[in-house]
């Protein structure tokens, strides 16, 4: 987007009135220092692949399996069918 869109333009697109809080938010965003966004010097949360646990399948107790099956009674090709929760 090469053109700067002001609050007035954005508000008119949605049919909303510009508000003082939105204007203040845009002022804060305009003043933000974005010159060093690509520099990540915080490595405190980084882990190596050696630090990860081994991916191991653990068999669940039969009672836990039964609770899961009761919550998902439909099955297809050996897999539990989960209801679609997000629609487009």
C-alpha atoms as a PDB file:
ATOM      1  CA  UNK A   1       0.000   0.000   0.000  1.00  0.00           C
ATOM      2  CA  UNK A   2       1.838   3.054  -1.202  1.00  0.00           C
ATOM      3  CA  UNK A   3      -0.802   5.576  -0.180  1.00  0.00           C
ATOM      4  CA  UNK A   4      -1.181   6.633   3.446  1.00  0.00           C
ATOM      5  CA  UNK A   5      -4.740   6.145   4.601  1.00  0.00           C
ATOM      6  CA  UNK A   6      -5.819   8.602   7.292  1.00  0.00           C
ATOM      7  CA  UNK A   7      -8.371   7.881   9.986  1.00  0.00           C
ATOM      8  CA  UNK A   8     -10.895   9.963   8.056  1.00  0.00           C
ATOM      9  CA  UNK A   9     -10.496   7.797   4.963  1.00  0.00           C
ATOM     10  CA  UNK A  10     -10.639   4.556   6.932  1.00  0.00           C
ATOM     11  CA  UNK A  11     -13.676   5.734   8.892  1.00  0.00           C
ATOM     12  CA  UNK A  12     -15.537   6.706   5.760  1.00  0.00           C
ATOM     13  CA  UNK A  13     -14.915   3.275   4.256  1.00  0.00           C
ATOM     14  CA  UNK A  14     -16.632   1.550   7.178  1.00  0.00           C
ATOM     15  CA  UNK A  15     -19.214   4.298   7.626  1.00  0.00           C
ATOM     16  CA  UNK A  16     -17.981   4.961  11.168  1.00  0.00           C
ATOM     17  CA  UNK A  17     -17.248   8.254  12.849  1.00  0.00           C
ATOM     18  CA  UNK A  18     -13.623   8.994  13.787  1.00  0.00           C
ATOM     19  CA  UNK A  19     -13.094   8.928  17.542  1.00  0.00           C
ATOM     20  CA  UNK A  20     -10.487  10.551  19.743  1.00  0.00           C
ATOM     21  CA  UNK A  21      -9.246   7.198  21.030  1.00  0.00           C
ATOM     22  CA  UNK A  22      -8.695   5.920  17.480  1.00  0.00           C
ATOM     23  CA  UNK A  23      -6.906   9.156  16.562  1.00  0.00           C
ATOM     24  CA  UNK A  24      -4.648   8.769  19.607  1.00  0.00           C
ATOM     25  CA  UNK A  25      -3.929   5.158  18.680  1.00  0.00           C
ATOM     26  CA  UNK A  26      -2.889   6.160  15.170  1.00  0.00           C
ATOM     27  CA  UNK A  27      -0.634   8.882  16.589  1.00  0.00           C
ATOM     28  CA  UNK A  28       1.114   6.324  18.800  1.00  0.00           C
ATOM     29  CA  UNK A  29       1.531   4.002  15.813  1.00  0.00           C
ATOM     30  CA  UNK A  30       2.952   6.816  13.670  1.00  0.00           C
ATOM     31  CA  UNK A  31       5.497   7.688  16.374  1.00  0.00           C
ATOM     32  CA  UNK A  32       6.586   4.072  16.909  1.00  0.00           C
ATOM     33  CA  UNK A  33      10.195   3.325  16.091  1.00  0.00           C
ATOM     34  CA  UNK A  34      10.082   0.692  13.360  1.00  0.00           C
ATOM     35  CA  UNK A  35      13.679   1.031  12.188  1.00  0.00           C
ATOM     36  CA  UNK A  36      14.945  -2.003  14.117  1.00  0.00           C
ATOM     37  CA  UNK A  37      12.005  -4.402  13.825  1.00  0.00           C
ATOM     38  CA  UNK A  38      14.098  -6.958  11.939  1.00  0.00           C
ATOM     39  CA  UNK A  39      16.680  -7.212  14.718  1.00  0.00           C
ATOM     40  CA  UNK A  40      15.851  -9.850  17.306  1.00  0.00           C
ATOM     41  CA  UNK A  41      18.338  -9.739  20.154  1.00  0.00           C
ATOM     42  CA  UNK A  42      16.192 -11.660  22.651  1.00  0.00           C
ATOM     43  CA  UNK A  43      17.405 -15.260  22.596  1.00  0.00           C
ATOM     44  CA  UNK A  44      16.236 -16.151  26.109  1.00  0.00           C
ATOM     45  CA  UNK A  45      13.415 -18.383  24.837  1.00  0.00           C
ATOM     46  CA  UNK A  46      15.338 -20.136  22.066  1.00  0.00           C
ATOM     47  CA  UNK A  47      15.889 -23.893  22.296  1.00  0.00           C
ATOM     48  CA  UNK A  48      17.898 -26.286  20.217  1.00  0.00           C
ATOM     49  CA  UNK A  49      16.518 -29.500  18.764  1.00  0.00           C
ATOM     50  CA  UNK A  50      18.587 -31.385  21.348  1.00  0.00           C
ATOM     51  CA  UNK A  51      16.529 -29.730  24.128  1.00  0.00           C
ATOM     52  CA  UNK A  52      13.225 -31.132  22.826  1.00  0.00           C
ATOM     53  CA  UNK A  53      11.725 -34.286  24.312  1.00  0.00           C
ATOM     54  CA  UNK A  54      11.476 -37.458  22.268  1.00  0.00           C
ATOM     55  CA  UNK A  55       8.117 -37.897  20.532  1.00  0.00           C
ATOM     56  CA  UNK A  56       6.786 -41.058  22.158  1.00  0.00           C
ATOM     57  CA  UNK A  57       3.295 -42.555  21.941  1.00  0.00           C
ATOM     58  CA  UNK A  58       1.895 -43.281  25.394  1.00  0.00           C
ATOM     59  CA  UNK A  59      -1.046 -45.670  25.594  1.00  0.00           C
ATOM     60  CA  UNK A  60      -4.007 -44.212  27.494  1.00  0.00           C
ATOM     61  CA  UNK A  61      -5.959 -46.188  30.082  1.00  0.00           C
ATOM     62  CA  UNK A  62      -9.163 -47.840  28.800  1.00  0.00           C
ATOM     63  CA  UNK A  63     -11.351 -45.560  30.968  1.00  0.00           C
ATOM     64  CA  UNK A  64      -9.819 -42.461  29.324  1.00  0.00           C
ATOM     65  CA  UNK A  65     -10.304 -43.954  25.853  1.00  0.00           C
ATOM     66  CA  UNK A  66     -13.969 -44.664  26.672  1.00  0.00           C
ATOM     67  CA  UNK A  67     -14.554 -41.035  27.748  1.00  0.00           C
ATOM     68  CA  UNK A  68     -13.055 -39.814  24.476  1.00  0.00           C
ATOM     69  CA  UNK A  69     -15.161 -42.210  22.399  1.00  0.00           C
ATOM     70  CA  UNK A  70     -18.317 -41.100  24.236  1.00  0.00           C
ATOM     71  CA  UNK A  71     -17.543 -37.460  23.413  1.00  0.00           C
ATOM     72  CA  UNK A  72     -16.885 -38.261  19.728  1.00  0.00           C
ATOM     73  CA  UNK A  73     -19.297 -41.074  18.834  1.00  0.00           C
ATOM     74  CA  UNK A  74     -18.825 -40.798  15.050  1.00  0.00           C
ATOM     75  CA  UNK A  75     -16.003 -42.715  13.420  1.00  0.00           C
ATOM     76  CA  UNK A  76     -14.665 -42.824   9.864  1.00  0.00           C
ATOM     77  CA  UNK A  77     -11.876 -45.129   8.648  1.00  0.00           C
ATOM     78  CA  UNK A  78     -10.765 -45.775  12.223  1.00  0.00           C
ATOM     79  CA  UNK A  79     -10.550 -42.059  13.129  1.00  0.00           C
ATOM     80  CA  UNK A  80     -12.833 -40.029  15.378  1.00  0.00           C
ATOM     81  CA  UNK A  81     -14.975 -37.488  13.518  1.00  0.00           C
ATOM     82  CA  UNK A  82     -14.858 -34.014  15.060  1.00  0.00           C
ATOM     83  CA  UNK A  83     -17.591 -31.467  14.350  1.00  0.00           C
ATOM     84  CA  UNK A  84     -16.587 -28.512  12.226  1.00  0.00           C
ATOM     85  CA  UNK A  85     -16.242 -25.468  14.483  1.00  0.00           C
ATOM     86  CA  UNK A  86     -15.092 -22.779  12.028  1.00  0.00           C
ATOM     87  CA  UNK A  87     -17.086 -22.027   8.935  1.00  0.00           C
ATOM     88  CA  UNK A  88     -16.084 -19.772   6.071  1.00  0.00           C
END
